[in-house]
C-alpha atoms as a PDB file:
ATOM      1  CA  UNK A   1      -2.589 -26.480   1.915  1.00  0.00           C
ATOM      2  CA  UNK A   2      -5.373 -28.409  -0.816  1.00  0.00           C
ATOM      3  CA  UNK A   3      -4.482 -27.625  -3.800  1.00  0.00           C
ATOM      4  CA  UNK A   4      -6.346 -24.578  -5.398  1.00  0.00           C
ATOM      5  CA  UNK A   5      -7.296 -24.326  -9.170  1.00  0.00           C
ATOM      6  CA  UNK A   6      -5.652 -21.625 -10.864  1.00  0.00           C
ATOM      7  CA  UNK A   7      -7.187 -20.040 -13.759  1.00  0.00           C
ATOM      8  CA  UNK A   8      -4.986 -17.286 -15.754  1.00  0.00           C
ATOM      9  CA  UNK A   9      -6.225 -15.216 -18.198  1.00  0.00           C
ATOM     10  CA  UNK A  10      -3.397 -14.015 -20.952  1.00  0.00           C
ATOM     11  CA  UNK A  11      -0.273 -15.738 -21.938  1.00  0.00           C
ATOM     12  CA  UNK A  12       2.419 -13.197 -22.192  1.00  0.00           C
ATOM     13  CA  UNK A  13       5.376 -12.508 -19.708  1.00  0.00           C
ATOM     14  CA  UNK A  14       3.107 -11.600 -16.862  1.00  0.00           C
ATOM     15  CA  UNK A  15       0.855 -14.405 -17.662  1.00  0.00           C
ATOM     16  CA  UNK A  16       3.228 -17.099 -17.839  1.00  0.00           C
ATOM     17  CA  UNK A  17       5.321 -16.114 -15.408  1.00  0.00           C
ATOM     18  CA  UNK A  18       2.294 -16.124 -13.057  1.00  0.00           C
ATOM     19  CA  UNK A  19       1.375 -19.619 -14.287  1.00  0.00           C
ATOM     20  CA  UNK A  20       4.653 -20.648 -13.319  1.00  0.00           C
ATOM     21  CA  UNK A  21       4.782 -19.966  -9.841  1.00  0.00           C
ATOM     22  CA  UNK A  22       1.566 -21.761  -9.233  1.00  0.00           C
ATOM     23  CA  UNK A  23       2.526 -24.819 -11.610  1.00  0.00           C
ATOM     24  CA  UNK A  24       5.811 -24.927  -9.377  1.00  0.00           C
ATOM     25  CA  UNK A  25       3.945 -25.130  -6.132  1.00  0.00           C
ATOM     26  CA  UNK A  26       1.865 -27.764  -7.508  1.00  0.00           C
ATOM     27  CA  UNK A  27      -1.231 -25.922  -8.470  1.00  0.00           C
ATOM     28  CA  UNK A  28      -3.244 -27.486 -11.309  1.00  0.00           C
ATOM     29  CA  UNK A  29      -3.292 -24.199 -13.690  1.00  0.00           C
ATOM     30  CA  UNK A  30      -5.506 -22.990 -16.602  1.00  0.00           C
ATOM     31  CA  UNK A  31      -3.785 -20.653 -19.113  1.00  0.00           C
ATOM     32  CA  UNK A  32      -6.105 -18.668 -21.375  1.00  0.00           C
ATOM     33  CA  UNK A  33      -5.096 -16.621 -24.417  1.00  0.00           C
ATOM     34  CA  UNK A  34      -6.749 -15.831 -27.435  1.00  0.00           C
ATOM     35  CA  UNK A  35      -3.682 -16.508 -29.430  1.00  0.00           C
ATOM     36  CA  UNK A  36      -3.038 -19.759 -30.161  1.00  0.00           C
ATOM     37  CA  UNK A  37       0.751 -19.085 -30.817  1.00  0.00           C
ATOM     38  CA  UNK A  38       1.021 -17.463 -27.357  1.00  0.00           C
ATOM     39  CA  UNK A  39      -0.686 -20.565 -26.045  1.00  0.00           C
ATOM     40  CA  UNK A  40       1.752 -22.963 -28.026  1.00  0.00           C
ATOM     41  CA  UNK A  41       4.689 -21.224 -26.516  1.00  0.00           C
ATOM     42  CA  UNK A  42       3.647 -21.081 -22.749  1.00  0.00           C
ATOM     43  CA  UNK A  43       4.361 -24.589 -21.741  1.00  0.00           C
ATOM     44  CA  UNK A  44       8.011 -24.363 -23.031  1.00  0.00           C
ATOM     45  CA  UNK A  45       8.297 -20.693 -21.440  1.00  0.00           C
ATOM     46  CA  UNK A  46       7.135 -22.345 -18.325  1.00  0.00           C
ATOM     47  CA  UNK A  47       9.769 -24.838 -18.635  1.00  0.00           C
ATOM     48  CA  UNK A  48      12.409 -22.372 -19.472  1.00  0.00           C
ATOM     49  CA  UNK A  49      11.369 -20.350 -16.154  1.00  0.00           C
ATOM     50  CA  UNK A  50      11.839 -23.416 -13.837  1.00  0.00           C
ATOM     51  CA  UNK A  51      14.984 -24.300 -15.021  1.00  0.00           C
ATOM     52  CA  UNK A  52      16.047 -20.935 -14.621  1.00  0.00           C
ATOM     53  CA  UNK A  53      15.249 -21.401 -11.152  1.00  0.00           C
ATOM     54  CA  UNK A  54      16.646 -24.853 -10.478  1.00  0.00           C
ATOM     55  CA  UNK A  55      13.218 -25.905 -10.433  1.00  0.00           C
ATOM     56  CA  UNK A  56      11.584 -29.263 -11.811  1.00  0.00           C
ATOM     57  CA  UNK A  57      10.605 -28.473 -15.196  1.00  0.00           C
ATOM     58  CA  UNK A  58       8.264 -31.129 -15.119  1.00  0.00           C
ATOM     59  CA  UNK A  59       5.733 -28.804 -12.921  1.00  0.00           C
ATOM     60  CA  UNK A  60       4.919 -27.652 -16.648  1.00  0.00           C
ATOM     61  CA  UNK A  61       2.541 -30.660 -16.258  1.00  0.00           C
ATOM     62  CA  UNK A  62       0.617 -28.925 -14.178  1.00  0.00           C
ATOM     63  CA  UNK A  63      -0.528 -26.401 -17.195  1.00  0.00           C
ATOM     64  CA  UNK A  64      -3.530 -26.740 -19.345  1.00  0.00           C
ATOM     65  CA  UNK A  65      -3.947 -24.338 -22.269  1.00  0.00           C
ATOM     66  CA  UNK A  66      -7.187 -23.011 -23.144  1.00  0.00           C
ATOM     67  CA  UNK A  67      -8.464 -21.178 -25.998  1.00  0.00           C
ATOM     68  CA  UNK A  68     -11.752 -20.264 -24.527  1.00  0.00           C
ATOM     69  CA  UNK A  69     -12.021 -18.232 -21.824  1.00  0.00           C
ATOM     70  CA  UNK A  70     -15.129 -19.863 -20.145  1.00  0.00           C
ATOM     71  CA  UNK A  71     -13.352 -23.425 -20.385  1.00  0.00           C
ATOM     72  CA  UNK A  72     -10.472 -21.909 -18.205  1.00  0.00           C
ATOM     73  CA  UNK A  73     -12.377 -20.350 -15.647  1.00  0.00           C
ATOM     74  CA  UNK A  74     -15.235 -23.273 -15.106  1.00  0.00           C
ATOM     75  CA  UNK A  75     -14.270 -24.802 -11.414  1.00  0.00           C
ATOM     76  CA  UNK A  76     -11.512 -22.406 -10.949  1.00  0.00           C
ATOM     77  CA  UNK A  77     -11.105 -21.624  -7.297  1.00  0.00           C
ATOM     78  CA  UNK A  78      -8.900 -18.216  -8.131  1.00  0.00           C
ATOM     79  CA  UNK A  79      -8.733 -16.148 -11.628  1.00  0.00           C
ATOM     80  CA  UNK A  80      -6.273 -14.286 -12.117  1.00  0.00           C
ATOM     81  CA  UNK A  81      -6.824 -11.576 -15.124  1.00  0.00           C
ATOM     82  CA  UNK A  82      -3.526 -10.376 -16.814  1.00  0.00           C
ATOM     83  CA  UNK A  83      -4.786  -9.026 -20.046  1.00  0.00           C
ATOM     84  CA  UNK A  84      -3.859  -5.581 -21.199  1.00  0.00           C
ATOM     85  CA  UNK A  85      -4.191  -2.630 -19.284  1.00  0.00           C
ATOM     86  CA  UNK A  86      -7.042  -1.181 -20.741  1.00  0.00           C
ATOM     87  CA  UNK A  87     -10.218  -0.373 -18.703  1.00  0.00           C
ATOM     88  CA  UNK A  88     -12.712  -1.453 -20.645  1.00  0.00           C
ATOM     89  CA  UNK A  89     -11.388  -4.789 -21.958  1.00  0.00           C
ATOM     90  CA  UNK A  90     -10.936  -5.569 -18.343  1.00  0.00           C
ATOM     91  CA  UNK A  91     -14.467  -4.708 -17.491  1.00  0.00           C
ATOM     92  CA  UNK A  92     -15.647  -7.082 -20.009  1.00  0.00           C
ATOM     93  CA  UNK A  93     -13.189  -9.936 -19.184  1.00  0.00           C
ATOM     94  CA  UNK A  94     -14.754  -9.541 -15.461  1.00  0.00           C
ATOM     95  CA  UNK A  95     -18.358  -9.434 -16.370  1.00  0.00           C
ATOM     96  CA  UNK A  96     -17.591 -12.683 -18.432  1.00  0.00           C
ATOM     97  CA  UNK A  97     -16.178 -14.182 -15.501  1.00  0.00           C
ATOM     98  CA  UNK A  98     -18.543 -13.572 -13.112  1.00  0.00           C
ATOM     99  CA  UNK A  99     -21.307 -15.175 -15.059  1.00  0.00           C
ATOM    100  CA  UNK A 100     -18.527 -18.268 -15.921  1.00  0.00           C
ATOM    101  CA  UNK A 101     -17.370 -19.124 -12.317  1.00  0.00           C
ATOM    102  CA  UNK A 102     -18.626 -20.488  -8.773  1.00  0.00           C
ATOM    103  CA  UNK A 103     -19.750 -17.758  -6.586  1.00  0.00           C
ATOM    104  CA  UNK A 104     -16.780 -18.281  -4.246  1.00  0.00           C
ATOM    105  CA  UNK A 105     -14.226 -18.174  -6.493  1.00  0.00           C
ATOM    106  CA  UNK A 106     -12.098 -15.175  -6.307  1.00  0.00           C
ATOM    107  CA  UNK A 107     -11.342 -12.789  -9.321  1.00  0.00           C
ATOM    108  CA  UNK A 108      -8.286 -10.969  -9.107  1.00  0.00           C
ATOM    109  CA  UNK A 109      -6.803  -7.926 -11.353  1.00  0.00           C
ATOM    110  CA  UNK A 110      -3.372  -8.255 -12.389  1.00  0.00           C
ATOM    111  CA  UNK A 111      -3.829  -4.399 -13.286  1.00  0.00           C
ATOM    112  CA  UNK A 112      -0.536  -2.203 -12.223  1.00  0.00           C
ATOM    113  CA  UNK A 113      -2.402   1.022 -11.958  1.00  0.00           C
ATOM    114  CA  UNK A 114      -6.236   0.973 -12.590  1.00  0.00           C
ATOM    115  CA  UNK A 115      -8.347   1.193  -9.280  1.00  0.00           C
ATOM    116  CA  UNK A 116      -9.791  -2.200  -8.684  1.00  0.00           C
ATOM    117  CA  UNK A 117     -13.152  -0.498  -8.014  1.00  0.00           C
ATOM    118  CA  UNK A 118     -13.374   0.770 -11.595  1.00  0.00           C
ATOM    119  CA  UNK A 119     -12.721  -2.627 -12.770  1.00  0.00           C
ATOM    120  CA  UNK A 120     -15.507  -4.411 -10.676  1.00  0.00           C
ATOM    121  CA  UNK A 121     -18.032  -1.668 -11.550  1.00  0.00           C
ATOM    122  CA  UNK A 122     -21.505  -3.040 -11.990  1.00  0.00           C
ATOM    123  CA  UNK A 123     -20.799  -6.601 -11.007  1.00  0.00           C
ATOM    124  CA  UNK A 124     -23.292  -8.453  -8.800  1.00  0.00           C
ATOM    125  CA  UNK A 125     -20.673 -10.100  -6.602  1.00  0.00           C
ATOM    126  CA  UNK A 126     -17.853  -7.069  -6.216  1.00  0.00           C
ATOM    127  CA  UNK A 127     -17.247  -8.980  -2.894  1.00  0.00           C
ATOM    128  CA  UNK A 128     -15.151 -11.547  -4.490  1.00  0.00           C
ATOM    129  CA  UNK A 129     -13.142  -9.259  -6.924  1.00  0.00           C
ATOM    130  CA  UNK A 130      -9.574  -7.610  -5.797  1.00  0.00           C
ATOM    131  CA  UNK A 131      -5.999  -6.524  -6.842  1.00  0.00           C
ATOM    132  CA  UNK A 132      -3.651  -8.915  -7.286  1.00  0.00           C
ATOM    133  CA  UNK A 133      -0.486  -7.168  -8.547  1.00  0.00           C
ATOM    134  CA  UNK A 134       2.225  -9.260  -9.338  1.00  0.00           C
ATOM    135  CA  UNK A 135       5.747  -7.439 -10.662  1.00  0.00           C
ATOM    136  CA  UNK A 136       7.402  -8.196 -13.820  1.00  0.00           C
ATOM    137  CA  UNK A 137       8.875 -10.724 -13.741  1.00  0.00           C
ATOM    138  CA  UNK A 138       6.597 -12.695 -11.571  1.00  0.00           C
ATOM    139  CA  UNK A 139       8.532 -15.583 -11.371  1.00  0.00           C
ATOM    140  CA  UNK A 140      12.057 -13.868  -9.962  1.00  0.00           C
ATOM    141  CA  UNK A 141       9.790 -10.910  -8.308  1.00  0.00           C
ATOM    142  CA  UNK A 142       8.296 -11.842  -5.056  1.00  0.00           C
ATOM    143  CA  UNK A 143       6.406  -8.904  -3.869  1.00  0.00           C
ATOM    144  CA  UNK A 144       2.236  -8.996  -4.511  1.00  0.00           C
ATOM    145  CA  UNK A 145       0.048  -6.328  -4.143  1.00  0.00           C
ATOM    146  CA  UNK A 146      -3.297  -7.775  -2.708  1.00  0.00           C
ATOM    147  CA  UNK A 147      -5.411  -4.752  -3.230  1.00  0.00           C
ATOM    148  CA  UNK A 148      -9.069  -4.536  -1.237  1.00  0.00           C
ATOM    149  CA  UNK A 149     -11.557  -2.172  -3.029  1.00  0.00           C
ATOM    150  CA  UNK A 150     -14.357  -0.887  -0.971  1.00  0.00           C
ATOM    151  CA  UNK A 151     -16.396  -3.281  -1.562  1.00  0.00           C
ATOM    152  CA  UNK A 152     -14.172  -6.502  -1.508  1.00  0.00           C
ATOM    153  CA  UNK A 153     -14.601  -8.748   1.663  1.00  0.00           C
ATOM    154  CA  UNK A 154     -12.224  -9.517   4.151  1.00  0.00           C
ATOM    155  CA  UNK A 155     -12.404 -13.173   3.455  1.00  0.00           C
ATOM    156  CA  UNK A 156     -11.227 -12.620  -0.167  1.00  0.00           C
ATOM    157  CA  UNK A 157      -7.853 -10.635   1.308  1.00  0.00           C
ATOM    158  CA  UNK A 158      -7.238 -13.398   3.820  1.00  0.00           C
ATOM    159  CA  UNK A 159      -7.850 -16.148   0.854  1.00  0.00           C
ATOM    160  CA  UNK A 160      -5.391 -14.131  -1.456  1.00  0.00           C
ATOM    161  CA  UNK A 161      -2.993 -13.863   1.088  1.00  0.00           C
ATOM    162  CA  UNK A 162      -2.736 -17.061   2.472  1.00  0.00           C
ATOM    163  CA  UNK A 163      -2.427 -18.332  -0.979  1.00  0.00           C
ATOM    164  CA  UNK A 164       0.175 -16.338  -2.393  1.00  0.00           C
ATOM    165  CA  UNK A 165       2.545 -17.055   1.090  1.00  0.00           C
ATOM    166  CA  UNK A 166       1.789 -20.731   0.553  1.00  0.00           C
ATOM    167  CA  UNK A 167       3.800 -20.464  -2.876  1.00  0.00           C
ATOM    168  CA  UNK A 168       6.473 -18.387  -1.650  1.00  0.00           C
ATOM    169  CA  UNK A 169       5.457 -15.146  -2.834  1.00  0.00           C
ATOM    170  CA  UNK A 170       5.438 -12.244  -0.577  1.00  0.00           C
ATOM    171  CA  UNK A 171       2.029 -10.480  -0.392  1.00  0.00           C
ATOM    172  CA  UNK A 172       1.513  -7.138   1.155  1.00  0.00           C
ATOM    173  CA  UNK A 173      -2.477  -5.680   2.087  1.00  0.00           C
ATOM    174  CA  UNK A 174      -2.921  -2.783   0.099  1.00  0.00           C
ATOM    175  CA  UNK A 175      -5.945  -1.362   2.528  1.00  0.00           C
ATOM    176  CA  UNK A 176      -7.183   1.325   0.159  1.00  0.00           C
ATOM    177  CA  UNK A 177      -7.821   1.431  -3.352  1.00  0.00           C
ATOM    178  CA  UNK A 178      -6.448   4.422  -5.134  1.00  0.00           C
ATOM    179  CA  UNK A 179      -4.706   4.379  -8.667  1.00  0.00           C
ATOM    180  CA  UNK A 180      -1.074   3.105  -8.841  1.00  0.00           C
ATOM    181  CA  UNK A 181      -1.582   1.204  -5.448  1.00  0.00           C
ATOM    182  CA  UNK A 182       1.772   1.725  -3.575  1.00  0.00           C
ATOM    183  CA  UNK A 183       4.885   0.684  -5.363  1.00  0.00           C
ATOM    184  CA  UNK A 184       3.694   2.209  -8.632  1.00  0.00           C
ATOM    185  CA  UNK A 185       2.990   5.488  -6.938  1.00  0.00           C
ATOM    186  CA  UNK A 186       6.745   5.829  -5.268  1.00  0.00           C
ATOM    187  CA  UNK A 187       8.042   4.567  -8.699  1.00  0.00           C
ATOM    188  CA  UNK A 188       6.117   7.475 -10.563  1.00  0.00           C
ATOM    189  CA  UNK A 189       6.874   9.459  -7.991  1.00  0.00           C
ATOM    190  CA  UNK A 190      10.732   9.332  -8.483  1.00  0.00           C
ATOM    191  CA  UNK A 191      10.041   8.728 -12.371  1.00  0.00           C
ATOM    192  CA  UNK A 192       8.446  12.477 -12.356  1.00  0.00           C
ATOM    193  CA  UNK A 193      11.503  13.984 -10.555  1.00  0.00           C
ATOM    194  CA  UNK A 194      13.691  12.132 -12.606  1.00  0.00           C
ATOM    195  CA  UNK A 195      12.378  13.764 -15.634  1.00  0.00           C
ATOM    196  CA  UNK A 196      12.035  17.101 -14.561  1.00  0.00           C
ATOM    197  CA  UNK A 197      16.012  17.137 -13.744  1.00  0.00           C
ATOM    198  CA  UNK A 198      17.021  15.953 -17.061  1.00  0.00           C
ATOM    199  CA  UNK A 199      14.343  18.710 -18.627  1.00  0.00           C
ATOM    200  CA  UNK A 200      15.666  21.684 -16.942  1.00  0.00           C
ATOM    201  CA  UNK A 201      19.334  20.703 -17.507  1.00  0.00           C
ATOM    202  CA  UNK A 202      20.629  19.665 -14.200  1.00  0.00           C
ATOM    203  CA  UNK A 203      21.968  16.702 -15.740  1.00  0.00           C
ATOM    204  CA  UNK A 204      21.621  14.243 -18.219  1.00  0.00           C
ATOM    205  CA  UNK A 205      19.770  10.477 -17.986  1.00  0.00           C
ATOM    206  CA  UNK A 206      23.034   9.093 -17.885  1.00  0.00           C
ATOM    207  CA  UNK A 207      24.112  10.658 -14.940  1.00  0.00           C
ATOM    208  CA  UNK A 208      20.507  10.836 -13.353  1.00  0.00           C
ATOM    209  CA  UNK A 209      20.740   6.921 -13.369  1.00  0.00           C
ATOM    210  CA  UNK A 210      24.036   6.321 -11.538  1.00  0.00           C
ATOM    211  CA  UNK A 211      23.201   8.024  -9.303  1.00  0.00           C
ATOM    212  CA  UNK A 212      20.447   6.399  -8.417  1.00  0.00           C
ATOM    213  CA  UNK A 213      22.038   3.059  -8.692  1.00  0.00           C
ATOM    214  CA  UNK A 214      25.466   4.134  -7.098  1.00  0.00           C
ATOM    215  CA  UNK A 215      23.666   6.427  -4.631  1.00  0.00           C
ATOM    216  CA  UNK A 216      20.564   5.393  -2.324  1.00  0.00           C
ATOM    217  CA  UNK A 217      19.567   2.858  -4.806  1.00  0.00           C
ATOM    218  CA  UNK A 218      22.435   0.661  -3.503  1.00  0.00           C
ATOM    219  CA  UNK A 219      20.892   0.510  -0.559  1.00  0.00           C
ATOM    220  CA  UNK A 220      17.148   0.100  -1.279  1.00  0.00           C
ATOM    221  CA  UNK A 221      17.035  -3.700  -1.089  1.00  0.00           C
ATOM    222  CA  UNK A 222      17.695  -3.723   2.362  1.00  0.00           C
ATOM    223  CA  UNK A 223      17.120  -0.508   3.577  1.00  0.00           C
ATOM    224  CA  UNK A 224      13.196   1.309   2.775  1.00  0.00           C
ATOM    225  CA  UNK A 225      12.762   4.674   2.635  1.00  0.00           C
ATOM    226  CA  UNK A 226      11.003   4.999   5.740  1.00  0.00           C
ATOM    227  CA  UNK A 227      13.327   2.797   7.597  1.00  0.00           C
ATOM    228  CA  UNK A 228      15.730   5.123   6.289  1.00  0.00           C
ATOM    229  CA  UNK A 229      14.345   7.983   8.039  1.00  0.00           C
ATOM    230  CA  UNK A 230      13.941   6.526  11.034  1.00  0.00           C
ATOM    231  CA  UNK A 231      17.478   5.524  10.884  1.00  0.00           C
ATOM    232  CA  UNK A 232      19.214   9.167  10.203  1.00  0.00           C
ATOM    233  CA  UNK A 233      16.376  10.773  12.618  1.00  0.00           C
ATOM    234  CA  UNK A 234      12.858  12.564  11.503  1.00  0.00           C
ATOM    235  CA  UNK A 235      14.499  15.691  12.640  1.00  0.00           C
ATOM    236  CA  UNK A 236      17.224  15.714   9.647  1.00  0.00           C
ATOM    237  CA  UNK A 237      14.522  14.256   7.608  1.00  0.00           C
ATOM    238  CA  UNK A 238      12.182  17.221   8.347  1.00  0.00           C
ATOM    239  CA  UNK A 239      15.063  19.794   8.121  1.00  0.00           C
ATOM    240  CA  UNK A 240      15.539  18.524   4.623  1.00  0.00           C
ATOM    241  CA  UNK A 241      12.086  18.326   3.508  1.00  0.00           C
ATOM    242  CA  UNK A 242      11.918  22.237   4.839  1.00  0.00           C
ATOM    243  CA  UNK A 243      14.658  22.935   2.276  1.00  0.00           C
ATOM    244  CA  UNK A 244      13.374  20.899  -0.629  1.00  0.00           C
ATOM    245  CA  UNK A 245       9.899  20.025  -1.067  1.00  0.00           C
ATOM    246  CA  UNK A 246       8.555  23.196  -2.330  1.00  0.00           C
ATOM    247  CA  UNK A 247      11.188  22.871  -4.705  1.00  0.00           C
ATOM    248  CA  UNK A 248      10.403  19.751  -6.033  1.00  0.00           C
ATOM    249  CA  UNK A 249       8.431  19.253  -9.540  1.00  0.00           C
ATOM    250  CA  UNK A 250       4.642  19.619  -9.880  1.00  0.00           C
ATOM    251  CA  UNK A 251       3.546  19.170 -13.000  1.00  0.00           C
ATOM    252  CA  UNK A 252      -0.028  18.769 -12.559  1.00  0.00           C
ATOM    253  CA  UNK A 253       0.189  15.843 -15.627  1.00  0.00           C
ATOM    254  CA  UNK A 254       2.834  14.200 -17.266  1.00  0.00           C
ATOM    255  CA  UNK A 255       5.745  16.225 -18.229  1.00  0.00           C
ATOM    256  CA  UNK A 256       5.638  18.108 -21.478  1.00  0.00           C
ATOM    257  CA  UNK A 257       9.668  16.542 -21.942  1.00  0.00           C
ATOM    258  CA  UNK A 258       7.989  13.077 -21.825  1.00  0.00           C
ATOM    259  CA  UNK A 259       5.022  14.043 -24.213  1.00  0.00           C
ATOM    260  CA  UNK A 260       7.604  15.399 -26.500  1.00  0.00           C
ATOM    261  CA  UNK A 261       9.552  12.601 -26.462  1.00  0.00           C
ATOM    262  CA  UNK A 262       6.663  10.238 -27.036  1.00  0.00           C
ATOM    263  CA  UNK A 263       5.367  12.606 -29.873  1.00  0.00           C
ATOM    264  CA  UNK A 264       8.703  12.549 -31.525  1.00  0.00           C
ATOM    265  CA  UNK A 265       8.612   8.706 -31.421  1.00  0.00           C
ATOM    266  CA  UNK A 266      11.762   8.538 -29.068  1.00  0.00           C
ATOM    267  CA  UNK A 267       9.919   5.970 -26.963  1.00  0.00           C
ATOM    268  CA  UNK A 268      13.098   3.938 -25.877  1.00  0.00           C
ATOM    269  CA  UNK A 269      15.060   0.677 -26.438  1.00  0.00           C
ATOM    270  CA  UNK A 270      13.095  -0.436 -28.977  1.00  0.00           C
ATOM    271  CA  UNK A 271      13.433   2.751 -31.025  1.00  0.00           C
ATOM    272  CA  UNK A 272      16.776   3.487 -30.234  1.00  0.00           C
ATOM    273  CA  UNK A 273      16.138   6.307 -28.360  1.00  0.00           C
ATOM    274  CA  UNK A 274      14.288   7.463 -25.549  1.00  0.00           C
ATOM    275  CA  UNK A 275      15.843   9.371 -22.571  1.00  0.00           C
ATOM    276  CA  UNK A 276      18.804   8.368 -23.872  1.00  0.00           C
ATOM    277  CA  UNK A 277      20.492   6.552 -27.210  1.00  0.00           C
ATOM    278  CA  UNK A 278      20.656   2.964 -27.370  1.00  0.00           C
ATOM    279  CA  UNK A 279      22.298   0.559 -29.830  1.00  0.00           C
ATOM    280  CA  UNK A 280      20.922  -3.081 -30.013  1.00  0.00           C
ATOM    281  CA  UNK A 281      23.909  -4.166 -27.911  1.00  0.00           C
ATOM    282  CA  UNK A 282      23.228  -1.537 -25.424  1.00  0.00           C
ATOM    283  CA  UNK A 283      19.889  -2.974 -25.286  1.00  0.00           C
ATOM    284  CA  UNK A 284      20.486  -6.528 -24.908  1.00  0.00           C
ATOM    285  CA  UNK A 285      22.942  -5.915 -22.072  1.00  0.00           C
ATOM    286  CA  UNK A 286      21.242  -3.883 -19.806  1.00  0.00           C
ATOM    287  CA  UNK A 287      18.332  -7.101 -20.032  1.00  0.00           C
ATOM    288  CA  UNK A 288      20.698  -9.396 -19.112  1.00  0.00           C
ATOM    289  CA  UNK A 289      22.383  -7.501 -16.714  1.00  0.00           C
ATOM    290  CA  UNK A 290      18.826  -7.167 -14.833  1.00  0.00           C
ATOM    291  CA  UNK A 291      17.549 -10.863 -15.264  1.00  0.00           C
ATOM    292  CA  UNK A 292      20.733 -11.781 -13.805  1.00  0.00           C
ATOM    293  CA  UNK A 293      20.445  -9.860 -11.000  1.00  0.00           C
ATOM    294  CA  UNK A 294      16.551 -11.010 -10.570  1.00  0.00           C
ATOM    295  CA  UNK A 295      17.772 -14.520 -10.963  1.00  0.00           C
ATOM    296  CA  UNK A 296      20.622 -14.649  -8.360  1.00  0.00           C
ATOM    297  CA  UNK A 297      18.189 -12.622  -6.236  1.00  0.00           C
ATOM    298  CA  UNK A 298      15.073 -15.267  -6.595  1.00  0.00           C
ATOM    299  CA  UNK A 299      17.555 -18.133  -6.233  1.00  0.00           C
ATOM    300  CA  UNK A 300      19.052 -17.022  -2.682  1.00  0.00           C
ATOM    301  CA  UNK A 301      15.569 -16.831  -1.650  1.00  0.00           C
ATOM    302  CA  UNK A 302      14.979 -20.759  -2.284  1.00  0.00           C
ATOM    303  CA  UNK A 303      17.718 -21.536  -0.182  1.00  0.00           C
END
């Protein structure tokens, strides 16, 4: 496949990870950020990601850093926006991109929850705007949700899917533009029930996480929820639902327990307290454990 010129907007963990997967596949990448410090760190970050995956760190030579958004986007075949998750900021970025790019260039957003149509509102060429939701960290997690908004062209989706497949990613077509798409709707449905169980005193946070990791979570990488339903039989699934569904949490918004935690400043590991208390050592060990697991899985996919 002819190498596409890629522009990535945002040089944080997500942007650098996205840039790495394209650089490693030989695509020229222009990486934009308004922070000189972030751009200065980006080439070494990408070399580090390559070494982690036993990829030639020389792939970072495909990277060009640009402080100016229009400079990064000029001549790009595909632009992937990975700026902070703020609707108005993303709309401003896409208005600038529409003016700065060729009409045939794809304009993609890495938003994890905002509907693509909301971001593309007011644009003259919404047919080339779509979602490319990479999962964190992109250099280790292969899945990408390609989200088709109501005005996204079929050709744009086909081009995006083919490009992602060509660099070893695993794209899936999300056919309706709904908040959270597929993965985050599932993830946060689980979180909603998890928070409700702890808030109701059914168990503490440690117990809940243990049940997930050592119970059904142990098989999730090889057995999806609908595969599991077919495996055990839909008659059994229905029987369980008859007993269970009406008793699941139905909070109309974020659970009051979560709101109270945030209001109290108990926002997670960085503060030493979230749903449970954390020492700096415990937080570091957890991050290392996750990274080691993801690196091993990513290396296995490359074999």
